[in-house]
C-alpha atoms as a PDB file:
ATOM      1  CA  MET A   1     128.730  79.605 125.591  1.00  0.00           C
ATOM      2  CA  PRO A   2     127.466  77.600 122.546  1.00  0.00           C
ATOM      3  CA  HIS A   3     131.026  77.515 121.159  1.00  0.00           C
ATOM      4  CA  LYS A   4     132.300  75.871 124.357  1.00  0.00           C
ATOM      5  CA  ASN A   5     129.583  73.193 124.130  1.00  0.00           C
ATOM      6  CA  LEU A   6     130.403  72.542 120.456  1.00  0.00           C
ATOM      7  CA  PHE A   7     134.095  72.338 121.250  1.00  0.00           C
ATOM      8  CA  SER A   8     133.353  69.870 124.122  1.00  0.00           C
ATOM      9  CA  PHE A   9     131.252  67.656 121.848  1.00  0.00           C
ATOM     10  CA  VAL A  10     133.921  67.633 119.127  1.00  0.00           C
ATOM     11  CA  LEU A  11     136.628  66.828 121.699  1.00  0.00           C
ATOM     12  CA  ALA A  12     134.527  64.025 123.193  1.00  0.00           C
ATOM     13  CA  ALA A  13     133.882  62.545 119.729  1.00  0.00           C
ATOM     14  CA  VAL A  14     137.573  62.620 118.842  1.00  0.00           C
ATOM     15  CA  LEU A  15     138.511  60.976 122.140  1.00  0.00           C
ATOM     16  CA  LEU A  16     135.891  58.257 121.737  1.00  0.00           C
ATOM     17  CA  SER A  17     137.036  57.473 118.224  1.00  0.00           C
ATOM     18  CA  MET A  18     140.630  57.196 119.393  1.00  0.00           C
ATOM     19  CA  LEU A  19     139.706  54.954 122.320  1.00  0.00           C
ATOM     20  CA  GLY A  20     137.747  52.645 120.035  1.00  0.00           C
ATOM     21  CA  GLY A  21     140.972  51.753 118.222  1.00  0.00           C
ATOM     22  CA  CYS A  22     142.734  50.762 121.424  1.00  0.00           C
ATOM     23  CA  GLY A  23     141.238  47.286 121.561  1.00  0.00           C
ATOM     24  CA  GLY A  24     144.506  45.688 120.474  1.00  0.00           C
ATOM     25  CA  SER A  25     145.093  43.597 117.429  1.00  0.00           C
ATOM     26  CA  ARG A  26     143.332  40.258 117.473  1.00  0.00           C
ATOM     27  CA  SER A  27     144.521  38.187 114.610  1.00  0.00           C
ATOM     28  CA  VAL A  28     144.062  34.512 113.924  1.00  0.00           C
ATOM     29  CA  ARG A  29     147.257  32.553 113.660  1.00  0.00           C
ATOM     30  CA  VAL A  30     147.063  29.109 112.062  1.00  0.00           C
ATOM     31  CA  ILE A  31     150.407  27.349 112.375  1.00  0.00           C
ATOM     32  CA  GLU A  32     149.617  23.879 111.072  1.00  0.00           C
ATOM     33  CA  GLY A  33     149.692  22.708 107.496  1.00  0.00           C
ATOM     34  CA  ASN A  34     152.282  22.636 104.766  1.00  0.00           C
ATOM     35  CA  GLU A  35     151.370  25.324 102.240  1.00  0.00           C
ATOM     36  CA  GLN A  36     152.008  28.944 103.195  1.00  0.00           C
ATOM     37  CA  ILE A  37     149.128  31.251 102.213  1.00  0.00           C
ATOM     38  CA  ARG A  38     150.371  34.647 103.227  1.00  0.00           C
ATOM     39  CA  SER A  39     152.464  36.422 105.803  1.00  0.00           C
ATOM     40  CA  ALA A  40     150.587  37.633 108.857  1.00  0.00           C
ATOM     41  CA  LEU A  41     151.669  40.236 111.423  1.00  0.00           C
ATOM     42  CA  THR A  42     152.081  37.618 114.138  1.00  0.00           C
ATOM     43  CA  GLY A  43     153.241  34.707 111.999  1.00  0.00           C
ATOM     44  CA  SER A  44     152.529  32.768 108.878  1.00  0.00           C
ATOM     45  CA  VAL A  45     149.191  31.320 107.915  1.00  0.00           C
ATOM     46  CA  TYR A  46     149.202  27.830 106.382  1.00  0.00           C
ATOM     47  CA  ALA A  47     146.561  25.857 104.546  1.00  0.00           C
ATOM     48  CA  SER A  48     145.738  22.513 106.043  1.00  0.00           C
ATOM     49  CA  ASP A  49     143.991  19.501 104.532  1.00  0.00           C
ATOM     50  CA  GLN A  50     143.591  17.850 107.953  1.00  0.00           C
ATOM     51  CA  SER A  51     140.145  17.593 109.508  1.00  0.00           C
ATOM     52  CA  ILE A  52     139.874  20.115 112.288  1.00  0.00           C
ATOM     53  CA  ILE A  53     137.057  20.606 114.860  1.00  0.00           C
ATOM     54  CA  VAL A  54     135.557  24.076 114.325  1.00  0.00           C
ATOM     55  CA  HIS A  55     132.494  23.828 116.590  1.00  0.00           C
ATOM     56  CA  VAL A  56     131.367  21.605 119.486  1.00  0.00           C
ATOM     57  CA  ASN A  57     127.763  21.400 120.716  1.00  0.00           C
ATOM     58  CA  GLU A  58     128.021  19.686 124.088  1.00  0.00           C
ATOM     59  CA  PHE A  59     124.233  19.581 124.626  1.00  0.00           C
ATOM     60  CA  ASP A  60     123.445  17.742 121.388  1.00  0.00           C
ATOM     61  CA  ARG A  61     126.825  15.926 121.394  1.00  0.00           C
ATOM     62  CA  LEU A  62     127.684  17.140 117.883  1.00  0.00           C
ATOM     63  CA  ALA A  63     130.931  18.346 116.377  1.00  0.00           C
ATOM     64  CA  THR A  64     131.445  20.328 113.168  1.00  0.00           C
ATOM     65  CA  LEU A  65     134.616  19.595 111.210  1.00  0.00           C
ATOM     66  CA  ARG A  66     136.416  21.464 108.416  1.00  0.00           C
ATOM     67  CA  ASN A  67     137.966  19.349 105.643  1.00  0.00           C
ATOM     68  CA  ALA A  68     135.900  16.274 106.507  1.00  0.00           C
ATOM     69  CA  ARG A  69     133.972  15.831 103.288  1.00  0.00           C
ATOM     70  CA  SER A  70     136.135  12.877 102.216  1.00  0.00           C
ATOM     71  CA  PHE A  71     134.820  10.749 105.122  1.00  0.00           C
ATOM     72  CA  PRO A  72     131.763   8.668 104.255  1.00  0.00           C
ATOM     73  CA  LYS A  73     128.787   8.507 106.565  1.00  0.00           C
ATOM     74  CA  SER A  74     129.290   6.394 109.751  1.00  0.00           C
ATOM     75  CA  THR A  75     133.089   6.653 109.716  1.00  0.00           C
ATOM     76  CA  PHE A  76     134.612   6.634 113.180  1.00  0.00           C
ATOM     77  CA  LEU A  77     137.165   9.379 113.841  1.00  0.00           C
ATOM     78  CA  GLU A  78     139.596   9.841 116.685  1.00  0.00           C
ATOM     79  CA  THR A  79     140.363  13.413 117.762  1.00  0.00           C
ATOM     80  CA  CYS A  80     143.650  14.566 119.286  1.00  0.00           C
ATOM     81  CA  ASP A  81     144.689  17.917 120.744  1.00  0.00           C
ATOM     82  CA  SER A  82     147.804  19.822 119.666  1.00  0.00           C
ATOM     83  CA  GLU A  83     149.981  17.729 121.990  1.00  0.00           C
ATOM     84  CA  GLY A  84     148.707  14.434 120.555  1.00  0.00           C
ATOM     85  CA  ASN A  85     146.464  13.474 123.487  1.00  0.00           C
ATOM     86  CA  LYS A  86     143.312  11.583 122.469  1.00  0.00           C
ATOM     87  CA  SER A  87     140.208  13.683 123.281  1.00  0.00           C
ATOM     88  CA  ALA A  88     137.210  11.914 121.714  1.00  0.00           C
ATOM     89  CA  ILE A  89     135.726   9.395 119.273  1.00  0.00           C
ATOM     90  CA  LEU A  90     133.310  10.722 116.623  1.00  0.00           C
ATOM     91  CA  LYS A  91     130.958   9.068 114.169  1.00  0.00           C
ATOM     92  CA  THR A  92     130.367  11.011 110.985  1.00  0.00           C
ATOM     93  CA  ARG A  93     126.974  11.950 109.658  1.00  0.00           C
ATOM     94  CA  GLY A  94     126.096  12.568 106.026  1.00  0.00           C
ATOM     95  CA  ASN A  95     127.984  15.367 104.295  1.00  0.00           C
ATOM     96  CA  ARG A  96     126.398  18.780 104.192  1.00  0.00           C
ATOM     97  CA  PRO A  97     126.428  20.996 101.112  1.00  0.00           C
ATOM     98  CA  THR A  98     128.246  23.777 102.970  1.00  0.00           C
ATOM     99  CA  GLY A  99     131.616  22.040 102.878  1.00  0.00           C
ATOM    100  CA  LEU A 100     131.704  21.274 106.571  1.00  0.00           C
ATOM    101  CA  GLY A 101     131.247  17.797 108.034  1.00  0.00           C
ATOM    102  CA  THR A 102     129.159  16.887 111.069  1.00  0.00           C
ATOM    103  CA  ALA A 103     129.788  14.050 113.478  1.00  0.00           C
ATOM    104  CA  ASP A 104     128.177  12.636 116.608  1.00  0.00           C
ATOM    105  CA  ILE A 105     130.379  12.629 119.710  1.00  0.00           C
ATOM    106  CA  VAL A 106     130.231   9.022 120.950  1.00  0.00           C
ATOM    107  CA  GLU A 107     133.108   9.065 123.496  1.00  0.00           C
ATOM    108  CA  GLY A 108     134.914  11.909 125.252  1.00  0.00           C
ATOM    109  CA  LEU A 109     134.597  15.609 124.449  1.00  0.00           C
ATOM    110  CA  PRO A 110     136.667  17.231 121.713  1.00  0.00           C
ATOM    111  CA  LYS A 111     137.773  20.834 121.769  1.00  0.00           C
ATOM    112  CA  ILE A 112     137.920  23.358 118.966  1.00  0.00           C
ATOM    113  CA  ASN A 113     141.111  22.953 116.857  1.00  0.00           C
ATOM    114  CA  ASP A 114     141.486  19.260 117.724  1.00  0.00           C
ATOM    115  CA  ARG A 115     142.535  17.147 114.709  1.00  0.00           C
ATOM    116  CA  ALA A 116     140.333  14.264 113.590  1.00  0.00           C
ATOM    117  CA  THR A 117     141.660  11.186 111.829  1.00  0.00           C
ATOM    118  CA  PRO A 118     139.901   7.923 110.928  1.00  0.00           C
ATOM    119  CA  VAL A 119     140.480   4.938 113.236  1.00  0.00           C
ATOM    120  CA  ASN A 120     142.082   1.758 111.893  1.00  0.00           C
ATOM    121  CA  ALA A 121     139.946  -1.038 110.411  1.00  0.00           C
ATOM    122  CA  ALA A 122     139.881  -3.238 113.550  1.00  0.00           C
ATOM    123  CA  GLU A 123     138.878  -0.338 115.765  1.00  0.00           C
ATOM    124  CA  ASN A 124     136.239   0.687 113.237  1.00  0.00           C
ATOM    125  CA  ILE A 125     134.668  -2.794 113.420  1.00  0.00           C
ATOM    126  CA  ARG A 126     134.782  -2.818 117.229  1.00  0.00           C
ATOM    127  CA  LEU A 127     133.206   0.656 117.503  1.00  0.00           C
ATOM    128  CA  GLY A 128     130.653  -0.278 114.820  1.00  0.00           C
ATOM    129  CA  LYS A 129     129.357  -3.089 117.002  1.00  0.00           C
ATOM    130  CA  ILE A 130     129.031  -0.778 120.025  1.00  0.00           C
ATOM    131  CA  TYR A 131     127.565   2.294 118.278  1.00  0.00           C
ATOM    132  CA  ARG A 132     125.226   0.883 115.632  1.00  0.00           C
ATOM    133  CA  ASP A 133     122.990   3.113 113.497  1.00  0.00           C
ATOM    134  CA  LEU A 134     119.411   3.022 114.692  1.00  0.00           C
ATOM    135  CA  ASP A 135     118.237   3.221 111.043  1.00  0.00           C
ATOM    136  CA  ALA A 136     119.947  -0.083 110.210  1.00  0.00           C
ATOM    137  CA  GLU A 137     118.040  -2.036 112.917  1.00  0.00           C
END
């Protein structure tokens, strides 16, 4: 009888370990940019120097951006989705030492993977009058 129990436990362990590998392959596929990094199973991965939204906090109205360290504090950014539709206006905060940029969401609501670009000079002046810094007053 003990041999049957041992065999059942071993069989159950083997089956569980096999079922754990059936979750499917979940790979990240980045298709924007211009410099190929490596070949992935589902496509190629490219480096991008564009500012991309990587996190959105709707409650605090904050967005975290990758590749946004070149924008000075209080720069207004316009975000667009993959189809080019405008999704939000952001106002950058001071740069963080982690390499990610942070911005306040002042209009709209961006989504993760939206691209952020600075607005033109006239729009920057117009938005600056509307969304002034409280510290400057």
